[in-house]
Amino acid sequence: MLAARADVHQVCPGWSSVATVDEPSSGAIDVTAVMDAQGMLPTVWGGLTRCKWLRGPRPVELDGAVKLHFGDGRTRVSLSELRRLAYLVAFDGLAGSQSDRGLSQSEVHFSFRVVRDGDIQFNVDLQDGTNVVAVVDSSQFVPGPEPSALTLGLLTRDARWRCQIRSSGSQGTCTDALDATNTVSW
């Protein structure tokens, strides 16, 4: 039986606007993939170690465990089809952002799925043990000037909502997709 394990190590881009390869200050990503004669196992796992990059002008850092799962229910995937498959990302660790007051970090546990049409589905766990799914068009994450508002959908067990949230996060409105008179604003 033919089998292979690939351990991939990538230095993160860092917070400098000039591209440099400096692992001690920029951090790294390490992931492992396993393949056999039928293709690649659809789950890739690893970790981010103080991985830093710029999200627009904002310095971001992740440190923790990551899992990626490609395809829907497949036992194997071919490398040539990875770009076309939906995938799920789960992260468990610390997320932070740098400001003039220093690095602000929080413990986070999140997962999101990128579907074939480019939508990103974020799982949001609520305090009561239930969850909602926030659906965002991936084009809203293209680098450039920060948009004045984020448009997203919320899927719950019983309803679908369309929301507009101002980039400050302090104001927004959600409207029930089935009843436009049912809105929530803050």
Protein backbone atom coordinates (compact mmCIF):
# COMPACT_ATOMS: atom_id res chain seq x y z
CA MET A 1 0.00 0.00 0.00
CA LEU A 2 1.32 3.40 -1.03
CA ALA A 3 1.05 6.05 1.72
CA ALA A 4 2.67 9.38 2.49
CA ARG A 5 2.57 12.00 5.20
CA ALA A 6 3.33 15.63 4.38
CA ASP A 7 4.38 17.98 7.17
CA VAL A 8 4.24 21.54 5.85
CA HIS A 9 5.93 24.46 7.63
CA GLN A 10 5.21 28.03 6.48
CA VAL A 11 6.51 31.26 8.02
CA CYS A 12 3.70 33.79 8.45
CA PRO A 13 3.89 37.17 6.67
CA GLY A 14 4.28 39.23 9.86
CA TRP A 15 3.16 42.76 10.59
CA SER A 16 5.59 44.58 8.33
CA SER A 17 4.28 45.94 5.04
CA VAL A 18 7.59 44.78 3.53
CA ALA A 19 7.72 41.04 2.85
CA THR A 20 10.35 39.36 5.04
CA VAL A 21 10.95 35.79 6.18
CA ASP A 22 11.51 36.19 9.92
CA GLU A 23 10.00 33.31 11.87
CA PRO A 24 10.95 34.49 15.38
CA SER A 25 8.99 37.74 14.94
CA SER A 26 6.34 36.62 12.40
CA GLY A 27 5.39 33.15 13.68
CA ALA A 28 4.60 30.05 11.65
CA ILE A 29 1.96 27.59 10.50
CA ASP A 30 2.60 23.84 10.67
CA VAL A 31 0.09 21.41 9.14
CA THR A 32 0.06 17.69 8.40
CA ALA A 33 -1.71 15.92 5.53
CA VAL A 34 -1.86 12.17 4.82
CA MET A 35 -2.23 10.57 1.38
CA ASP A 36 -2.51 7.07 0.01
CA ALA A 37 -3.17 5.49 -3.41
CA GLN A 38 -6.84 6.66 -3.33
CA GLY A 39 -5.97 10.32 -2.62
CA MET A 40 -5.60 12.68 0.31
CA LEU A 41 -7.49 12.10 3.54
CA PRO A 42 -9.84 15.09 3.70
CA THR A 43 -8.69 16.31 7.14
CA VAL A 44 -5.52 18.38 7.55
CA TRP A 45 -4.44 19.38 11.06
CA GLY A 46 -1.77 21.42 12.76
CA GLY A 47 -1.11 24.62 14.58
CA LEU A 48 -0.33 28.29 14.32
CA THR A 49 2.48 29.55 16.52
CA ARG A 50 2.27 33.32 17.09
CA CYS A 51 1.26 33.63 13.41
CA LYS A 52 1.11 37.33 12.52
CA TRP A 53 -0.25 39.08 9.43
CA LEU A 54 -1.86 42.37 8.45
CA ARG A 55 -5.62 42.40 7.83
CA GLY A 56 -5.84 45.70 5.99
CA PRO A 57 -4.06 48.08 8.38
CA ARG A 58 -4.85 45.90 11.43
CA PRO A 59 -2.09 43.63 12.85
CA VAL A 60 -3.58 40.21 13.74
CA GLU A 61 -2.08 37.21 15.58
CA LEU A 62 -3.30 33.61 16.05
CA ASP A 63 -1.74 30.99 18.32
CA GLY A 64 -3.42 27.61 18.60
CA ALA A 65 -4.64 24.40 16.97
CA VAL A 66 -6.29 24.32 13.54
CA LYS A 67 -8.14 21.62 11.57
CA LEU A 68 -9.27 21.81 7.95
CA HIS A 69 -11.72 19.36 6.40
CA PHE A 70 -12.22 19.34 2.60
CA GLY A 71 -15.34 18.16 0.78
CA ASP A 72 -18.66 16.93 2.05
CA GLY A 73 -18.52 13.39 3.43
CA ARG A 74 -15.72 12.17 1.17
CA THR A 75 -13.20 9.60 2.37
CA ARG A 76 -10.51 10.91 -0.03
CA VAL A 77 -9.98 14.03 -2.15
CA SER A 78 -7.61 14.61 -5.05
CA LEU A 79 -5.13 17.46 -4.86
CA SER A 80 -6.32 18.77 -8.23
CA GLU A 81 -9.85 19.36 -6.91
CA LEU A 82 -9.00 21.12 -3.61
CA ARG A 83 -9.62 24.60 -5.06
CA ARG A 84 -13.18 23.65 -6.03
CA LEU A 85 -14.25 21.93 -2.80
CA ALA A 86 -16.09 23.38 0.16
CA TYR A 87 -14.03 23.25 3.33
CA LEU A 88 -14.45 23.59 7.08
CA VAL A 89 -11.92 25.34 9.34
CA ALA A 90 -11.89 24.91 13.14
CA PHE A 91 -9.56 26.91 15.40
CA ASP A 92 -8.98 26.67 19.13
CA GLY A 93 -6.50 29.03 20.77
CA LEU A 94 -5.65 32.70 21.21
CA ALA A 95 -6.54 35.49 18.78
CA GLY A 96 -5.11 38.95 19.15
CA SER A 97 -4.73 42.33 17.55
CA GLN A 98 -1.94 44.87 18.05
CA SER A 99 -2.69 48.52 18.82
CA ASP A 100 -0.75 51.41 20.30
CA ARG A 101 -1.73 49.99 23.74
CA GLY A 102 -0.06 46.65 22.98
CA LEU A 103 -1.31 43.20 22.02
CA SER A 104 -4.87 42.45 23.08
CA GLN A 105 -5.59 38.70 23.10
CA SER A 106 -8.66 36.56 23.77
CA GLU A 107 -9.18 32.83 24.01
CA VAL A 108 -11.32 31.81 21.03
CA HIS A 109 -12.95 28.69 19.68
CA PHE A 110 -14.46 29.14 16.23
CA SER A 111 -15.31 27.28 13.10
CA PHE A 112 -16.36 28.39 9.66
CA ARG A 113 -17.14 26.73 6.37
CA VAL A 114 -16.37 28.10 2.91
CA VAL A 115 -18.92 26.74 0.44
CA ARG A 116 -18.53 26.38 -3.31
CA ASP A 117 -20.30 29.65 -4.16
CA GLY A 118 -17.81 31.59 -1.99
CA ASP A 119 -20.10 32.20 0.98
CA ILE A 120 -18.49 31.81 4.38
CA GLN A 121 -20.65 30.24 7.10
CA PHE A 122 -19.51 31.07 10.65
CA ASN A 123 -20.80 28.94 13.50
CA VAL A 124 -21.73 31.20 16.45
CA ASP A 125 -22.25 29.44 19.79
CA LEU A 126 -24.73 31.21 22.06
CA GLN A 127 -24.71 31.30 25.86
CA ASP A 128 -27.82 29.12 26.09
CA GLY A 129 -26.04 26.23 24.34
CA THR A 130 -27.69 26.78 20.94
CA ASN A 131 -26.03 28.26 17.91
CA VAL A 132 -26.68 30.32 14.81
CA VAL A 133 -24.85 30.39 11.51
CA ALA A 134 -23.71 33.75 10.14
CA VAL A 135 -23.41 33.69 6.33
CA VAL A 136 -21.12 36.26 4.69
CA ASP A 137 -20.18 36.70 1.02
CA SER A 138 -16.39 36.20 0.85
CA SER A 139 -16.03 39.25 -1.43
CA GLN A 140 -16.55 41.37 1.71
CA PHE A 141 -13.14 40.17 2.95
CA VAL A 142 -11.14 41.38 -0.06
CA PRO A 143 -8.23 43.60 1.08
CA GLY A 144 -8.87 47.29 0.63
CA PRO A 145 -10.58 50.09 2.47
CA GLU A 146 -12.72 48.92 5.37
CA PRO A 147 -16.40 48.90 4.34
CA SER A 148 -18.83 51.10 6.23
CA ALA A 149 -21.09 48.11 6.92
CA LEU A 150 -21.00 44.32 6.83
CA THR A 151 -23.93 42.53 5.21
CA LEU A 152 -24.64 39.03 6.45
CA GLY A 153 -27.34 36.45 6.86
CA LEU A 154 -28.17 34.67 10.11
CA LEU A 155 -29.58 31.14 10.02
CA THR A 156 -31.25 29.76 13.12
CA ARG A 157 -33.25 26.60 13.60
CA ASP A 158 -36.49 28.53 12.96
CA ALA A 159 -35.61 31.65 10.96
CA ARG A 160 -33.42 33.38 8.40
CA TRP A 161 -32.34 36.98 8.95
CA ARG A 162 -30.57 39.54 6.73
CA CYS A 163 -28.39 41.95 8.69
CA GLN A 164 -26.44 45.16 8.10
CA ILE A 165 -23.85 45.89 10.79
CA ARG A 166 -21.86 49.13 10.75
CA SER A 167 -18.10 48.60 10.86
CA SER A 168 -17.99 50.19 14.32
CA GLY A 169 -20.09 47.22 15.49
CA SER A 170 -22.19 49.45 17.70
CA GLN A 171 -25.15 49.83 15.30
CA GLY A 172 -26.99 47.45 13.04
CA THR A 173 -30.31 46.08 11.87
CA CYS A 174 -31.49 42.54 11.19
CA THR A 175 -34.69 41.82 9.23
CA ASP A 176 -36.55 38.52 9.17
CA ALA A 177 -36.28 37.10 5.61
CA LEU A 178 -39.88 35.85 5.79
CA ASP A 179 -41.44 38.91 7.47
CA ALA A 180 -39.89 42.28 6.58
CA THR A 181 -41.88 43.96 9.39
CA ASN A 182 -39.98 41.90 11.96
CA THR A 183 -36.70 43.76 12.62
CA VAL A 184 -34.15 44.03 15.39
CA SER A 185 -31.99 47.16 15.66
CA TRP A 186 -29.27 48.27 18.06
